[in-house]
N, C-alpha and C. Protein backbone atom coordinates (compact mmCIF):
# COMPACT_ATOMS: atom_id res chain seq x y z
N UNK A 1 0.72 -1.34 0.01
CA UNK A 1 0.01 -0.03 0.03
C UNK A 1 0.92 1.30 0.08
N UNK A 2 0.25 2.26 -0.68
CA UNK A 2 1.05 3.58 -0.96
C UNK A 2 0.27 4.57 -0.21
N UNK A 3 0.87 5.73 0.24
CA UNK A 3 0.14 6.74 0.72
C UNK A 3 0.01 7.84 -0.16
N UNK A 4 -0.99 8.26 -0.34
CA UNK A 4 -1.53 9.37 -1.35
C UNK A 4 -2.10 10.51 -0.76
N UNK A 5 -1.87 11.79 -1.40
CA UNK A 5 -2.58 12.90 -0.90
C UNK A 5 -3.37 13.39 -2.17
N UNK A 6 -4.60 13.59 -2.01
CA UNK A 6 -5.43 13.89 -3.31
C UNK A 6 -6.13 15.11 -2.93
N UNK A 7 -6.16 16.15 -3.74
CA UNK A 7 -6.81 17.30 -3.67
C UNK A 7 -8.10 17.29 -4.50
N UNK A 8 -9.20 17.61 -4.03
CA UNK A 8 -10.54 17.55 -4.59
C UNK A 8 -11.26 18.95 -4.77
N UNK A 9 -11.25 19.47 -5.98
CA UNK A 9 -11.99 20.72 -6.16
C UNK A 9 -13.29 20.43 -6.70
N UNK A 10 -14.32 21.11 -6.02
CA UNK A 10 -15.62 21.08 -6.49
C UNK A 10 -16.13 22.45 -6.77
N UNK A 11 -16.52 22.78 -7.99
CA UNK A 11 -17.04 23.91 -8.60
C UNK A 11 -18.44 23.66 -9.31
N UNK A 12 -19.14 24.98 -9.24
CA UNK A 12 -20.48 24.78 -10.13
C UNK A 12 -20.11 24.75 -11.49
N UNK A 13 -20.85 23.97 -12.27
CA UNK A 13 -20.72 24.04 -13.68
C UNK A 13 -21.23 25.30 -14.33
N UNK A 14 -20.65 25.64 -15.42
CA UNK A 14 -20.92 26.98 -16.11
C UNK A 14 -22.44 26.97 -16.41
N UNK A 15 -22.96 27.95 -16.33
CA UNK A 15 -24.37 28.07 -16.33
C UNK A 15 -25.19 27.99 -15.08
N UNK A 16 -24.74 27.22 -14.25
CA UNK A 16 -25.39 26.98 -12.82
C UNK A 16 -25.28 28.24 -12.02
N UNK A 17 -26.51 28.67 -11.37
CA UNK A 17 -26.28 29.87 -10.52
C UNK A 17 -25.30 29.68 -9.37
N UNK A 18 -24.46 30.77 -9.01
CA UNK A 18 -23.63 30.69 -8.10
C UNK A 18 -23.62 31.95 -7.41
N UNK A 19 -24.52 32.14 -6.36
CA UNK A 19 -24.53 33.45 -5.75
C UNK A 19 -23.33 33.97 -4.75
N UNK A 20 -22.39 32.93 -4.36
CA UNK A 20 -21.38 33.53 -3.66
C UNK A 20 -20.43 34.18 -4.77
N UNK A 21 -20.06 33.41 -5.89
CA UNK A 21 -19.43 34.10 -6.83
C UNK A 21 -19.92 35.48 -7.49
N UNK A 22 -21.22 35.49 -7.47
CA UNK A 22 -22.00 36.84 -8.02
C UNK A 22 -21.48 37.94 -6.93
N UNK A 23 -21.73 37.54 -5.51
CA UNK A 23 -21.37 38.58 -4.54
C UNK A 23 -20.06 39.05 -4.39
N UNK A 24 -19.08 37.88 -4.67
CA UNK A 24 -17.64 38.29 -4.57
C UNK A 24 -17.17 39.16 -5.82
N UNK A 25 -17.68 38.81 -6.81
CA UNK A 25 -17.40 39.59 -8.10
C UNK A 25 -18.02 40.94 -7.96
N UNK A 26 -19.05 41.18 -7.66
CA UNK A 26 -19.79 42.63 -7.58
C UNK A 26 -18.91 43.35 -6.44
N UNK A 27 -18.71 42.90 -5.32
CA UNK A 27 -17.84 43.36 -4.32
C UNK A 27 -16.53 43.67 -4.82
N UNK A 28 -15.86 43.01 -5.51
CA UNK A 28 -14.47 43.20 -6.02
C UNK A 28 -14.51 44.42 -6.84
N UNK A 29 -15.50 44.55 -7.81
CA UNK A 29 -15.48 45.44 -8.85
C UNK A 29 -16.10 46.68 -8.34
N UNK A 30 -17.47 46.75 -7.79
CA UNK A 30 -18.08 47.99 -7.61
C UNK A 30 -17.65 48.56 -6.29
N UNK A 31 -17.39 47.72 -5.20
CA UNK A 31 -16.99 48.28 -3.95
C UNK A 31 -15.55 48.63 -3.72
N UNK A 32 -14.49 47.78 -4.49
CA UNK A 32 -13.36 47.81 -4.14
C UNK A 32 -12.23 48.27 -5.23
N UNK A 33 -12.85 48.50 -6.23
CA UNK A 33 -11.99 49.01 -7.40
C UNK A 33 -11.38 47.98 -8.21
N UNK A 34 -11.50 46.83 -8.15
CA UNK A 34 -10.66 45.73 -9.00
C UNK A 34 -11.54 45.45 -10.39
N UNK A 35 -11.53 46.55 -11.12
CA UNK A 35 -12.31 46.42 -12.37
C UNK A 35 -11.45 45.34 -13.36
N UNK A 36 -10.18 45.07 -13.04
CA UNK A 36 -9.37 44.18 -13.90
C UNK A 36 -9.89 42.58 -13.74
N UNK A 37 -10.64 42.40 -12.45
CA UNK A 37 -11.28 41.00 -12.32
C UNK A 37 -12.32 40.92 -13.43
N UNK A 38 -12.17 39.85 -14.20
CA UNK A 38 -13.30 39.62 -15.13
C UNK A 38 -14.19 38.39 -14.81
N UNK A 39 -13.78 37.46 -13.88
CA UNK A 39 -14.54 36.41 -13.54
C UNK A 39 -14.04 35.78 -12.22
N UNK A 40 -14.99 35.24 -11.54
CA UNK A 40 -14.47 34.70 -10.22
C UNK A 40 -15.39 33.26 -10.08
N UNK A 41 -14.76 32.13 -9.81
CA UNK A 41 -15.68 30.86 -9.40
C UNK A 41 -15.44 30.43 -8.00
N UNK A 42 -16.42 30.14 -7.34
CA UNK A 42 -16.48 29.67 -6.07
C UNK A 42 -16.58 28.16 -6.00
N UNK A 43 -16.18 27.61 -4.89
CA UNK A 43 -16.26 26.01 -4.72
C UNK A 43 -15.74 25.60 -3.59
N UNK A 44 -15.56 24.45 -3.41
CA UNK A 44 -14.98 23.72 -2.37
C UNK A 44 -13.50 23.09 -2.53
N UNK A 45 -12.74 23.09 -1.48
CA UNK A 45 -11.41 22.50 -1.62
C UNK A 45 -11.40 21.43 -0.54
N UNK A 46 -11.09 20.10 -0.97
CA UNK A 46 -10.86 19.11 0.17
C UNK A 46 -9.31 18.38 -0.17
N UNK A 47 -8.78 18.23 0.94
CA UNK A 47 -7.44 17.30 0.90
C UNK A 47 -7.55 16.24 1.60
N UNK A 48 -7.26 15.03 1.08
CA UNK A 48 -7.50 13.70 1.64
C UNK A 48 -6.40 12.97 1.53
N UNK A 49 -5.95 12.35 2.63
CA UNK A 49 -4.64 11.50 2.88
C UNK A 49 -5.17 9.96 2.87
N UNK A 50 -4.84 9.06 1.92
CA UNK A 50 -5.28 7.85 2.13
C UNK A 50 -4.36 6.58 1.58
N UNK A 51 -4.42 5.53 2.08
CA UNK A 51 -3.41 4.48 1.50
C UNK A 51 -4.45 3.70 0.38
N UNK A 52 -3.59 3.43 -0.84
CA UNK A 52 -4.16 2.55 -1.77
C UNK A 52 -2.92 1.99 -2.67
N UNK A 53 -3.50 1.05 -3.52
CA UNK A 53 -2.61 0.31 -4.20
C UNK A 53 -1.79 1.16 -5.22
N UNK A 54 -2.61 2.09 -5.91
CA UNK A 54 -2.13 2.94 -7.07
C UNK A 54 -2.68 4.27 -7.14
N UNK A 55 -2.33 5.20 -7.87
CA UNK A 55 -2.94 6.42 -8.09
C UNK A 55 -4.27 6.40 -8.44
N UNK A 56 -4.40 5.51 -9.37
CA UNK A 56 -5.86 5.26 -10.05
C UNK A 56 -6.76 4.67 -8.87
N UNK A 57 -6.22 3.78 -8.26
CA UNK A 57 -7.18 3.35 -7.18
C UNK A 57 -7.68 4.48 -6.26
N UNK A 58 -6.57 5.19 -5.84
CA UNK A 58 -6.69 6.32 -4.73
C UNK A 58 -7.76 7.28 -5.41
N UNK A 59 -7.80 7.56 -6.58
CA UNK A 59 -8.75 8.52 -7.27
C UNK A 59 -10.10 7.84 -7.23
N UNK A 60 -10.24 6.72 -7.61
CA UNK A 60 -11.51 6.06 -7.85
C UNK A 60 -12.22 6.04 -6.16
N UNK A 61 -11.35 5.81 -5.21
CA UNK A 61 -11.68 5.80 -3.86
C UNK A 61 -12.34 7.04 -3.45
N UNK A 62 -11.66 8.13 -3.88
CA UNK A 62 -11.99 9.49 -3.39
C UNK A 62 -13.38 9.95 -4.08
N UNK A 63 -13.25 9.40 -5.57
CA UNK A 63 -14.65 9.89 -6.42
C UNK A 63 -15.95 9.16 -5.48
N UNK A 64 -15.66 7.87 -5.28
CA UNK A 64 -16.50 7.10 -4.75
C UNK A 64 -17.17 7.68 -3.22
N UNK A 65 -16.06 8.06 -2.52
CA UNK A 65 -16.36 8.89 -1.35
C UNK A 65 -17.21 9.93 -1.61
N UNK A 66 -16.83 10.75 -2.39
CA UNK A 66 -17.51 12.13 -2.62
C UNK A 66 -19.05 11.78 -3.15
N UNK A 67 -19.09 10.90 -3.98
CA UNK A 67 -20.53 10.50 -4.52
C UNK A 67 -21.29 9.90 -3.36
N UNK A 68 -20.84 8.87 -2.73
CA UNK A 68 -21.59 8.34 -1.63
C UNK A 68 -22.06 9.02 -0.66
N UNK A 69 -21.16 10.14 -0.19
CA UNK A 69 -21.39 11.06 0.75
C UNK A 69 -22.22 12.34 0.39
N UNK A 70 -22.39 12.25 -0.86
CA UNK A 70 -23.29 13.42 -1.64
C UNK A 70 -22.42 14.76 -1.27
N UNK A 71 -21.09 14.78 -1.30
CA UNK A 71 -20.44 15.99 -1.09
C UNK A 71 -20.60 16.91 -2.37
N UNK A 72 -21.09 16.27 -3.38
CA UNK A 72 -21.27 17.15 -4.75
C UNK A 72 -22.49 16.60 -5.30
N UNK A 73 -23.05 17.64 -6.12
CA UNK A 73 -24.36 17.37 -6.74
C UNK A 73 -23.89 17.22 -8.32
N UNK A 74 -23.82 15.94 -8.92
CA UNK A 74 -23.08 15.83 -10.31
C UNK A 74 -24.02 16.69 -11.40
N UNK A 75 -25.33 17.20 -11.08
CA UNK A 75 -26.18 17.87 -11.81
C UNK A 75 -25.71 19.35 -12.09
N UNK A 76 -25.09 19.90 -11.18
CA UNK A 76 -24.56 21.20 -11.15
C UNK A 76 -23.18 21.36 -10.82
N UNK A 77 -22.34 20.29 -10.33
CA UNK A 77 -21.09 20.51 -9.98
C UNK A 77 -20.23 19.77 -10.94
N UNK A 78 -18.84 20.25 -10.95
CA UNK A 78 -17.82 19.45 -11.64
C UNK A 78 -16.78 19.05 -10.47
N UNK A 79 -16.29 17.97 -10.70
CA UNK A 79 -15.24 17.53 -9.48
C UNK A 79 -13.87 17.41 -10.24
N UNK A 80 -12.86 17.88 -9.74
CA UNK A 80 -11.63 17.60 -10.18
C UNK A 80 -10.67 17.14 -9.28
N UNK A 81 -10.05 15.79 -9.48
CA UNK A 81 -9.38 15.12 -8.43
C UNK A 81 -7.90 15.24 -8.89
N UNK A 82 -6.93 15.53 -8.01
CA UNK A 82 -5.65 15.63 -8.33
C UNK A 82 -4.87 14.92 -7.22
N UNK A 83 -3.93 13.91 -7.81
CA UNK A 83 -2.94 13.11 -7.00
C UNK A 83 -1.84 14.14 -6.79
N UNK A 84 -1.31 14.36 -5.64
CA UNK A 84 -0.14 15.18 -5.35
C UNK A 84 0.98 14.11 -5.06
N UNK A 85 2.10 14.63 -5.65
CA UNK A 85 3.21 13.71 -5.34
C UNK A 85 3.90 14.10 -4.12
């Protein structure tokens, strides 16, 4: 068994309403003068440390974990899983 650190990024899909993103973008531009900011995306970030036989198995375990625990909604979220070296 090998030890792996996986980073999980859960974001809203393009087109899905994201009130947090809208608020942050509005505050950056209108209230704080950051007109150079053209877009913001909000989401969740998780870091998981686990043991598995391979990177692929580690990614499968994390995806299953996120799906089984309903950490994300596949209809409105995208999930990116990165294995850190």
